[in-house]
Amino acid sequence: MGFLDQMKQLKELQEKMEETKKRLDTIEVVAENEYARVAVSGNKKVKRVEILKQDDKALLEQKILIATNEALEKADGVMQSEMMGAMPKIPGLT
């Protein structure tokens, strides 16, 4: 494989990665508990926080943090899956 072929493959990979990033913006993952619901994009941007119960401020704040971190972990899994799908099959790496 020549240099120009490698450059062409790199350009194609960059285009696939950009498409994947755009697709991740449209994916929404949600985590919730009895106090809060948090939605994030596949690119790990918080899109929405909903308060479901608010009788204990300190507990509510803790539950929001927990739900946010859980949603971000889910988004990370989605992102990894999408990125792996965009990567070319390289012998020895898969």
PDB file of N, CA and C in Angstrom:
ATOM      1  N   MET A   1       0.866  -1.180   0.000  1.00  0.00           N
ATOM      2  CA  MET A   1       0.000   0.000   0.000  1.00  0.00           C
ATOM      3  C   MET A   1       0.902   1.229   0.000  1.00  0.00           C
ATOM      4  N   GLY A   2       0.645   2.112  -0.947  1.00  0.00           N
ATOM      5  CA  GLY A   2       1.460   3.303  -1.075  1.00  0.00           C
ATOM      6  C   GLY A   2       1.004   4.430  -0.161  1.00  0.00           C
ATOM      7  N   PHE A   3       1.814   5.456  -0.129  1.00  0.00           N
ATOM      8  CA  PHE A   3       1.547   6.619   0.717  1.00  0.00           C
ATOM      9  C   PHE A   3       0.212   7.272   0.377  1.00  0.00           C
ATOM     10  N   LEU A   4      -0.077   7.410  -0.919  1.00  0.00           N
ATOM     11  CA  LEU A   4      -1.340   8.052  -1.316  1.00  0.00           C
ATOM     12  C   LEU A   4      -2.545   7.223  -0.887  1.00  0.00           C
ATOM     13  N   ASP A   5      -2.408   5.904  -0.959  1.00  0.00           N
ATOM     14  CA  ASP A   5      -3.492   5.030  -0.496  1.00  0.00           C
ATOM     15  C   ASP A   5      -3.705   5.189   1.011  1.00  0.00           C
ATOM     16  N   GLN A   6      -2.620   5.300   1.758  1.00  0.00           N
ATOM     17  CA  GLN A   6      -2.724   5.488   3.198  1.00  0.00           C
ATOM     18  C   GLN A   6      -3.375   6.830   3.528  1.00  0.00           C
ATOM     19  N   MET A   7      -3.016   7.866   2.787  1.00  0.00           N
ATOM     20  CA  MET A   7      -3.615   9.186   3.003  1.00  0.00           C
ATOM     21  C   MET A   7      -5.111   9.150   2.686  1.00  0.00           C
ATOM     22  N   LYS A   8      -5.472   8.432   1.641  1.00  0.00           N
ATOM     23  CA  LYS A   8      -6.890   8.296   1.284  1.00  0.00           C
ATOM     24  C   LYS A   8      -7.650   7.573   2.398  1.00  0.00           C
ATOM     25  N   GLN A   9      -7.058   6.512   2.936  1.00  0.00           N
ATOM     26  CA  GLN A   9      -7.699   5.781   4.028  1.00  0.00           C
ATOM     27  C   GLN A   9      -7.831   6.656   5.270  1.00  0.00           C
ATOM     28  N   LEU A  10      -6.809   7.451   5.560  1.00  0.00           N
ATOM     29  CA  LEU A  10      -6.862   8.353   6.707  1.00  0.00           C
ATOM     30  C   LEU A  10      -7.987   9.366   6.535  1.00  0.00           C
ATOM     31  N   LYS A  11      -8.129   9.922   5.337  1.00  0.00           N
ATOM     32  CA  LYS A  11      -9.196  10.889   5.057  1.00  0.00           C
ATOM     33  C   LYS A  11     -10.567  10.229   5.242  1.00  0.00           C
ATOM     34  N   GLU A  12     -10.716   9.001   4.741  1.00  0.00           N
ATOM     35  CA  GLU A  12     -11.979   8.278   4.899  1.00  0.00           C
ATOM     36  C   GLU A  12     -12.284   8.021   6.366  1.00  0.00           C
ATOM     37  N   LEU A  13     -11.246   7.677   7.133  1.00  0.00           N
ATOM     38  CA  LEU A  13     -11.421   7.441   8.563  1.00  0.00           C
ATOM     39  C   LEU A  13     -11.854   8.721   9.259  1.00  0.00           C
ATOM     40  N   GLN A  14     -11.243   9.844   8.920  1.00  0.00           N
ATOM     41  CA  GLN A  14     -11.628  11.129   9.517  1.00  0.00           C
ATOM     42  C   GLN A  14     -13.088  11.453   9.207  1.00  0.00           C
ATOM     43  N   GLU A  15     -13.514  11.204   7.974  1.00  0.00           N
ATOM     44  CA  GLU A  15     -14.906  11.456   7.596  1.00  0.00           C
ATOM     45  C   GLU A  15     -15.853  10.562   8.386  1.00  0.00           C
ATOM     46  N   LYS A  16     -15.498   9.288   8.552  1.00  0.00           N
ATOM     47  CA  LYS A  16     -16.335   8.371   9.324  1.00  0.00           C
ATOM     48  C   LYS A  16     -16.426   8.822  10.783  1.00  0.00           C
ATOM     49  N   MET A  17     -15.322   9.290  11.335  1.00  0.00           N
ATOM     50  CA  MET A  17     -15.320   9.748  12.725  1.00  0.00           C
ATOM     51  C   MET A  17     -16.215  10.976  12.886  1.00  0.00           C
ATOM     52  N   GLU A  18     -16.178  11.883  11.935  1.00  0.00           N
ATOM     53  CA  GLU A  18     -17.047  13.062  11.991  1.00  0.00           C
ATOM     54  C   GLU A  18     -18.520  12.657  11.904  1.00  0.00           C
ATOM     55  N   GLU A  19     -18.824  11.710  11.018  1.00  0.00           N
ATOM     56  CA  GLU A  19     -20.200  11.208  10.907  1.00  0.00           C
ATOM     57  C   GLU A  19     -20.639  10.573  12.229  1.00  0.00           C
ATOM     58  N   THR A  20     -19.736   9.832  12.845  1.00  0.00           N
ATOM     59  CA  THR A  20     -20.042   9.180  14.113  1.00  0.00           C
ATOM     60  C   THR A  20     -20.306  10.214  15.198  1.00  0.00           C
ATOM     61  N   LYS A  21     -19.491  11.258  15.258  1.00  0.00           N
ATOM     62  CA  LYS A  21     -19.705  12.320  16.246  1.00  0.00           C
ATOM     63  C   LYS A  21     -21.070  12.979  16.052  1.00  0.00           C
ATOM     64  N   LYS A  22     -21.448  13.221  14.806  1.00  0.00           N
ATOM     65  CA  LYS A  22     -22.759  13.819  14.534  1.00  0.00           C
ATOM     66  C   LYS A  22     -23.878  12.878  14.964  1.00  0.00           C
ATOM     67  N   ARG A  23     -23.702  11.577  14.693  1.00  0.00           N
ATOM     68  CA  ARG A  23     -24.724  10.596  15.086  1.00  0.00           C
ATOM     69  C   ARG A  23     -24.824  10.525  16.616  1.00  0.00           C
ATOM     70  N   LEU A  24     -23.685  10.606  17.304  1.00  0.00           N
ATOM     71  CA  LEU A  24     -23.695  10.568  18.771  1.00  0.00           C
ATOM     72  C   LEU A  24     -24.449  11.756  19.360  1.00  0.00           C
ATOM     73  N   ASP A  25     -24.437  12.892  18.671  1.00  0.00           N
ATOM     74  CA  ASP A  25     -25.208  14.049  19.142  1.00  0.00           C
ATOM     75  C   ASP A  25     -26.705  13.764  19.149  1.00  0.00           C
ATOM     76  N   THR A  26     -27.155  12.845  18.306  1.00  0.00           N
ATOM     77  CA  THR A  26     -28.589  12.550  18.212  1.00  0.00           C
ATOM     78  C   THR A  26     -29.023  11.433  19.153  1.00  0.00           C
ATOM     79  N   ILE A  27     -28.056  10.716  19.728  1.00  0.00           N
ATOM     80  CA  ILE A  27     -28.367   9.624  20.653  1.00  0.00           C
ATOM     81  C   ILE A  27     -28.518  10.190  22.059  1.00  0.00           C
ATOM     82  N   GLU A  28     -29.545   9.752  22.746  1.00  0.00           N
ATOM     83  CA  GLU A  28     -29.781  10.206  24.113  1.00  0.00           C
ATOM     84  C   GLU A  28     -29.818   9.009  25.042  1.00  0.00           C
ATOM     85  N   VAL A  29     -29.040   9.083  26.121  1.00  0.00           N
ATOM     86  CA  VAL A  29     -29.084   8.052  27.149  1.00  0.00           C
ATOM     87  C   VAL A  29     -29.578   8.692  28.439  1.00  0.00           C
ATOM     88  N   VAL A  30     -30.328   7.924  29.223  1.00  0.00           N
ATOM     89  CA  VAL A  30     -30.972   8.455  30.422  1.00  0.00           C
ATOM     90  C   VAL A  30     -30.647   7.559  31.607  1.00  0.00           C
ATOM     91  N   ALA A  31     -30.413   8.204  32.735  1.00  0.00           N
ATOM     92  CA  ALA A  31     -30.279   7.487  34.007  1.00  0.00           C
ATOM     93  C   ALA A  31     -31.189   8.186  35.000  1.00  0.00           C
ATOM     94  N   GLU A  32     -31.825   7.406  35.838  1.00  0.00           N
ATOM     95  CA  GLU A  32     -32.706   8.023  36.825  1.00  0.00           C
ATOM     96  C   GLU A  32     -32.736   7.208  38.102  1.00  0.00           C
ATOM     97  N   ASN A  33     -33.148   7.888  39.144  1.00  0.00           N
ATOM     98  CA  ASN A  33     -33.396   7.267  40.430  1.00  0.00           C
ATOM     99  C   ASN A  33     -34.670   7.897  40.973  1.00  0.00           C
ATOM    100  N   GLU A  34     -34.986   7.662  42.214  1.00  0.00           N
ATOM    101  CA  GLU A  34     -36.256   8.177  42.740  1.00  0.00           C
ATOM    102  C   GLU A  34     -36.289   9.703  42.859  1.00  0.00           C
ATOM    103  N   TYR A  35     -35.126  10.363  42.780  1.00  0.00           N
ATOM    104  CA  TYR A  35     -35.072  11.819  42.953  1.00  0.00           C
ATOM    105  C   TYR A  35     -34.823  12.605  41.666  1.00  0.00           C
ATOM    106  N   ALA A  36     -34.117  12.010  40.704  1.00  0.00           N
ATOM    107  CA  ALA A  36     -33.731  12.786  39.524  1.00  0.00           C
ATOM    108  C   ALA A  36     -33.618  11.902  38.291  1.00  0.00           C
ATOM    109  N   ARG A  37     -33.811  12.541  37.135  1.00  0.00           N
ATOM    110  CA  ARG A  37     -33.618  11.893  35.833  1.00  0.00           C
ATOM    111  C   ARG A  37     -32.675  12.799  35.045  1.00  0.00           C
ATOM    112  N   VAL A  38     -31.609  12.202  34.499  1.00  0.00           N
ATOM    113  CA  VAL A  38     -30.618  12.970  33.746  1.00  0.00           C
ATOM    114  C   VAL A  38     -30.480  12.350  32.364  1.00  0.00           C
ATOM    115  N   ALA A  39     -30.534  13.193  31.336  1.00  0.00           N
ATOM    116  CA  ALA A  39     -30.349  12.745  29.964  1.00  0.00           C
ATOM    117  C   ALA A  39     -29.087  13.398  29.405  1.00  0.00           C
ATOM    118  N   VAL A  40     -28.270  12.585  28.743  1.00  0.00           N
ATOM    119  CA  VAL A  40     -27.061  13.095  28.104  1.00  0.00           C
ATOM    120  C   VAL A  40     -26.998  12.579  26.673  1.00  0.00           C
ATOM    121  N   SER A  41     -26.266  13.303  25.832  1.00  0.00           N
ATOM    122  CA  SER A  41     -26.077  12.849  24.457  1.00  0.00           C
ATOM    123  C   SER A  41     -25.004  11.770  24.432  1.00  0.00           C
ATOM    124  N   GLY A  42     -24.904  11.096  23.307  1.00  0.00           N
ATOM    125  CA  GLY A  42     -23.856  10.102  23.139  1.00  0.00           C
ATOM    126  C   GLY A  42     -22.468  10.717  23.202  1.00  0.00           C
ATOM    127  N   ASN A  43     -22.379  12.027  23.027  1.00  0.00           N
ATOM    128  CA  ASN A  43     -21.115  12.752  23.139  1.00  0.00           C
ATOM    129  C   ASN A  43     -20.894  13.284  24.552  1.00  0.00           C
ATOM    130  N   LYS A  44     -21.663  12.789  25.491  1.00  0.00           N
ATOM    131  CA  LYS A  44     -21.531  13.102  26.918  1.00  0.00           C
ATOM    132  C   LYS A  44     -21.794  14.558  27.260  1.00  0.00           C
ATOM    133  N   LYS A  45     -22.777  15.140  26.620  1.00  0.00           N
ATOM    134  CA  LYS A  45     -23.230  16.488  26.963  1.00  0.00           C
ATOM    135  C   LYS A  45     -24.571  16.360  27.681  1.00  0.00           C
ATOM    136  N   VAL A  46     -24.665  16.959  28.866  1.00  0.00           N
ATOM    137  CA  VAL A  46     -25.918  16.891  29.619  1.00  0.00           C
ATOM    138  C   VAL A  46     -26.975  17.690  28.858  1.00  0.00           C
ATOM    139  N   LYS A  47     -28.086  17.022  28.553  1.00  0.00           N
ATOM    140  CA  LYS A  47     -29.153  17.661  27.789  1.00  0.00           C
ATOM    141  C   LYS A  47     -30.312  18.102  28.673  1.00  0.00           C
ATOM    142  N   ARG A  48     -30.545  17.318  29.740  1.00  0.00           N
ATOM    143  CA  ARG A  48     -31.730  17.598  30.551  1.00  0.00           C
ATOM    144  C   ARG A  48     -31.559  17.009  31.945  1.00  0.00           C
ATOM    145  N   VAL A  49     -32.009  17.749  32.938  1.00  0.00           N
ATOM    146  CA  VAL A  49     -32.074  17.270  34.319  1.00  0.00           C
ATOM    147  C   VAL A  49     -33.497  17.509  34.802  1.00  0.00           C
ATOM    148  N   GLU A  50     -34.145  16.450  35.255  1.00  0.00           N
ATOM    149  CA  GLU A  50     -35.516  16.561  35.764  1.00  0.00           C
ATOM    150  C   GLU A  50     -35.526  16.182  37.246  1.00  0.00           C
ATOM    151  N   ILE A  51     -36.165  17.015  38.041  1.00  0.00           N
ATOM    152  CA  ILE A  51     -36.325  16.738  39.462  1.00  0.00           C
ATOM    153  C   ILE A  51     -37.624  15.956  39.638  1.00  0.00           C
ATOM    154  N   LEU A  52     -37.530  14.786  40.218  1.00  0.00           N
ATOM    155  CA  LEU A  52     -38.699  13.934  40.404  1.00  0.00           C
ATOM    156  C   LEU A  52     -39.246  14.012  41.826  1.00  0.00           C
ATOM    157  N   LYS A  53     -38.378  14.317  42.778  1.00  0.00           N
ATOM    158  CA  LYS A  53     -38.763  14.362  44.186  1.00  0.00           C
ATOM    159  C   LYS A  53     -37.813  15.342  44.871  1.00  0.00           C
ATOM    160  N   GLN A  54     -38.343  16.206  45.740  1.00  0.00           N
ATOM    161  CA  GLN A  54     -37.470  17.229  46.310  1.00  0.00           C
ATOM    162  C   GLN A  54     -37.684  17.471  47.803  1.00  0.00           C
ATOM    163  N   ASP A  55     -37.946  16.428  48.544  1.00  0.00           N
ATOM    164  CA  ASP A  55     -38.212  16.605  49.972  1.00  0.00           C
ATOM    165  C   ASP A  55     -36.950  16.749  50.829  1.00  0.00           C
ATOM    166  N   ASP A  56     -35.772  16.414  50.290  1.00  0.00           N
ATOM    167  CA  ASP A  56     -34.522  16.496  51.040  1.00  0.00           C
ATOM    168  C   ASP A  56     -33.449  17.058  50.110  1.00  0.00           C
ATOM    169  N   LYS A  57     -33.099  18.339  50.279  1.00  0.00           N
ATOM    170  CA  LYS A  57     -32.194  19.032  49.359  1.00  0.00           C
ATOM    171  C   LYS A  57     -30.835  18.338  49.239  1.00  0.00           C
ATOM    172  N   ALA A  58     -30.223  17.978  50.343  1.00  0.00           N
ATOM    173  CA  ALA A  58     -28.899  17.343  50.310  1.00  0.00           C
ATOM    174  C   ALA A  58     -28.956  15.992  49.596  1.00  0.00           C
ATOM    175  N   LEU A  59     -29.983  15.223  49.885  1.00  0.00           N
ATOM    176  CA  LEU A  59     -30.134  13.928  49.232  1.00  0.00           C
ATOM    177  C   LEU A  59     -30.418  14.114  47.744  1.00  0.00           C
ATOM    178  N   LEU A  60     -31.241  15.092  47.407  1.00  0.00           N
ATOM    179  CA  LEU A  60     -31.535  15.383  46.002  1.00  0.00           C
ATOM    180  C   LEU A  60     -30.253  15.718  45.248  1.00  0.00           C
ATOM    181  N   GLU A  61     -29.414  16.570  45.816  1.00  0.00           N
ATOM    182  CA  GLU A  61     -28.157  16.941  45.156  1.00  0.00           C
ATOM    183  C   GLU A  61     -27.283  15.710  44.930  1.00  0.00           C
ATOM    184  N   GLN A  62     -27.210  14.842  45.931  1.00  0.00           N
ATOM    185  CA  GLN A  62     -26.418  13.618  45.808  1.00  0.00           C
ATOM    186  C   GLN A  62     -26.994  12.717  44.706  1.00  0.00           C
ATOM    187  N   LYS A  63     -28.309  12.590  44.676  1.00  0.00           N
ATOM    188  CA  LYS A  63     -28.953  11.735  43.671  1.00  0.00           C
ATOM    189  C   LYS A  63     -28.770  12.298  42.259  1.00  0.00           C
ATOM    190  N   ILE A  64     -28.757  13.619  42.117  1.00  0.00           N
ATOM    191  CA  ILE A  64     -28.510  14.228  40.805  1.00  0.00           C
ATOM    192  C   ILE A  64     -27.091  13.881  40.349  1.00  0.00           C
ATOM    193  N   LEU A  65     -26.131  13.987  41.258  1.00  0.00           N
ATOM    194  CA  LEU A  65     -24.755  13.623  40.912  1.00  0.00           C
ATOM    195  C   LEU A  65     -24.656  12.165  40.492  1.00  0.00           C
ATOM    196  N   ILE A  66     -25.304  11.294  41.236  1.00  0.00           N
ATOM    197  CA  ILE A  66     -25.268   9.865  40.926  1.00  0.00           C
ATOM    198  C   ILE A  66     -25.879   9.603  39.551  1.00  0.00           C
ATOM    199  N   ALA A  67     -27.045  10.182  39.291  1.00  0.00           N
ATOM    200  CA  ALA A  67     -27.714   9.971  38.005  1.00  0.00           C
ATOM    201  C   ALA A  67     -26.888  10.551  36.854  1.00  0.00           C
ATOM    202  N   THR A  68     -26.275  11.715  37.075  1.00  0.00           N
ATOM    203  CA  THR A  68     -25.446  12.333  36.030  1.00  0.00           C
ATOM    204  C   THR A  68     -24.254  11.441  35.705  1.00  0.00           C
ATOM    205  N   ASN A  69     -23.566  10.965  36.724  1.00  0.00           N
ATOM    206  CA  ASN A  69     -22.410  10.103  36.483  1.00  0.00           C
ATOM    207  C   ASN A  69     -22.811   8.796  35.804  1.00  0.00           C
ATOM    208  N   GLU A  70     -23.945   8.246  36.187  1.00  0.00           N
ATOM    209  CA  GLU A  70     -24.420   7.014  35.559  1.00  0.00           C
ATOM    210  C   GLU A  70     -24.748   7.252  34.086  1.00  0.00           C
ATOM    211  N   ALA A  71     -25.413   8.363  33.795  1.00  0.00           N
ATOM    212  CA  ALA A  71     -25.743   8.687  32.407  1.00  0.00           C
ATOM    213  C   ALA A  71     -24.473   8.909  31.587  1.00  0.00           C
ATOM    214  N   LEU A  72     -23.480   9.565  32.155  1.00  0.00           N
ATOM    215  CA  LEU A  72     -22.216   9.783  31.446  1.00  0.00           C
ATOM    216  C   LEU A  72     -21.488   8.467  31.185  1.00  0.00           C
ATOM    217  N   GLU A  73     -21.549   7.538  32.126  1.00  0.00           N
ATOM    218  CA  GLU A  73     -20.951   6.219  31.911  1.00  0.00           C
ATOM    219  C   GLU A  73     -21.651   5.485  30.766  1.00  0.00           C
ATOM    220  N   LYS A  74     -22.981   5.572  30.732  1.00  0.00           N
ATOM    221  CA  LYS A  74     -23.733   4.946  29.646  1.00  0.00           C
ATOM    222  C   LYS A  74     -23.359   5.582  28.313  1.00  0.00           C
ATOM    223  N   ALA A  75     -23.250   6.907  28.295  1.00  0.00           N
ATOM    224  CA  ALA A  75     -22.882   7.616  27.068  1.00  0.00           C
ATOM    225  C   ALA A  75     -21.483   7.208  26.617  1.00  0.00           C
ATOM    226  N   ASP A  76     -20.584   6.988  27.559  1.00  0.00           N
ATOM    227  CA  ASP A  76     -19.235   6.552  27.222  1.00  0.00           C
ATOM    228  C   ASP A  76     -19.275   5.195  26.524  1.00  0.00           C
ATOM    229  N   GLY A  77     -20.109   4.297  27.021  1.00  0.00           N
ATOM    230  CA  GLY A  77     -20.255   2.989  26.387  1.00  0.00           C
ATOM    231  C   GLY A  77     -20.809   3.100  24.978  1.00  0.00           C
ATOM    232  N   VAL A  78     -21.797   3.967  24.791  1.00  0.00           N
ATOM    233  CA  VAL A  78     -22.372   4.178  23.468  1.00  0.00           C
ATOM    234  C   VAL A  78     -21.314   4.769  22.538  1.00  0.00           C
ATOM    235  N   MET A  79     -20.554   5.738  23.035  1.00  0.00           N
ATOM    236  CA  MET A  79     -19.525   6.380  22.223  1.00  0.00           C
ATOM    237  C   MET A  79     -18.470   5.360  21.791  1.00  0.00           C
ATOM    238  N   GLN A  80     -18.017   4.532  22.711  1.00  0.00           N
ATOM    239  CA  GLN A  80     -17.008   3.531  22.368  1.00  0.00           C
ATOM    240  C   GLN A  80     -17.530   2.569  21.313  1.00  0.00           C
ATOM    241  N   SER A  81     -18.768   2.146  21.466  1.00  0.00           N
ATOM    242  CA  SER A  81     -19.373   1.232  20.508  1.00  0.00           C
ATOM    243  C   SER A  81     -19.472   1.863  19.123  1.00  0.00           C
ATOM    244  N   GLU A  82     -19.927   3.119  19.073  1.00  0.00           N
ATOM    245  CA  GLU A  82     -20.057   3.815  17.795  1.00  0.00           C
ATOM    246  C   GLU A  82     -18.698   4.043  17.138  1.00  0.00           C
ATOM    247  N   MET A  83     -17.713   4.410  17.922  1.00  0.00           N
ATOM    248  CA  MET A  83     -16.380   4.666  17.373  1.00  0.00           C
ATOM    249  C   MET A  83     -15.757   3.379  16.836  1.00  0.00           C
ATOM    250  N   MET A  84     -15.949   2.273  17.546  1.00  0.00           N
ATOM    251  CA  MET A  84     -15.414   0.996  17.068  1.00  0.00           C
ATOM    252  C   MET A  84     -16.060   0.604  15.747  1.00  0.00           C
ATOM    253  N   GLY A  85     -17.342   0.934  15.589  1.00  0.00           N
ATOM    254  CA  GLY A  85     -18.022   0.637  14.335  1.00  0.00           C
ATOM    255  C   GLY A  85     -17.494   1.474  13.178  1.00  0.00           C
ATOM    256  N   ALA A  86     -16.949   2.636  13.481  1.00  0.00           N
ATOM    257  CA  ALA A  86     -16.428   3.513  12.445  1.00  0.00           C
ATOM    258  C   ALA A  86     -14.999   3.166  12.048  1.00  0.00           C
ATOM    259  N   MET A  87     -14.304   2.438  12.912  1.00  0.00           N
ATOM    260  CA  MET A  87     -12.905   2.109  12.650  1.00  0.00           C
ATOM    261  C   MET A  87     -12.802   1.007  11.609  1.00  0.00           C
ATOM    262  N   PRO A  88     -11.804   1.105  10.743  1.00  0.00           N
ATOM    263  CA  PRO A  88     -11.606   0.023   9.778  1.00  0.00           C
ATOM    264  C   PRO A  88     -11.076  -1.214  10.488  1.00  0.00           C
ATOM    265  N   LYS A  89     -11.300  -2.353   9.892  1.00  0.00           N
ATOM    266  CA  LYS A  89     -10.801  -3.607  10.454  1.00  0.00           C
ATOM    267  C   LYS A  89      -9.309  -3.705  10.155  1.00  0.00           C
ATOM    268  N   ILE A  90      -8.502  -3.560  11.197  1.00  0.00           N
ATOM    269  CA  ILE A  90      -7.053  -3.606  11.031  1.00  0.00           C
ATOM    270  C   ILE A  90      -6.559  -4.928  11.610  1.00  0.00           C
ATOM    271  N   PRO A  91      -5.896  -5.750  10.797  1.00  0.00           N
ATOM    272  CA  PRO A  91      -5.405  -7.036  11.293  1.00  0.00           C
ATOM    273  C   PRO A  91      -4.509  -6.851  12.515  1.00  0.00           C
ATOM    274  N   GLY A  92      -4.719  -7.677  13.523  1.00  0.00           N
ATOM    275  CA  GLY A  92      -3.921  -7.622  14.736  1.00  0.00           C
ATOM    276  C   GLY A  92      -4.498  -6.734  15.811  1.00  0.00           C
ATOM    277  N   LEU A  93      -5.463  -5.862  15.473  1.00  0.00           N
ATOM    278  CA  LEU A  93      -6.070  -4.964  16.454  1.00  0.00           C
ATOM    279  C   LEU A  93      -7.472  -5.409  16.849  1.00  0.00           C
ATOM    280  N   THR A  94      -8.070  -6.294  16.105  1.00  0.00           N
ATOM    281  CA  THR A  94      -9.417  -6.733  16.427  1.00  0.00           C
ATOM    282  C   THR A  94      -9.425  -8.183  16.834  1.00  0.00           C
TER     283      THR A  94
END
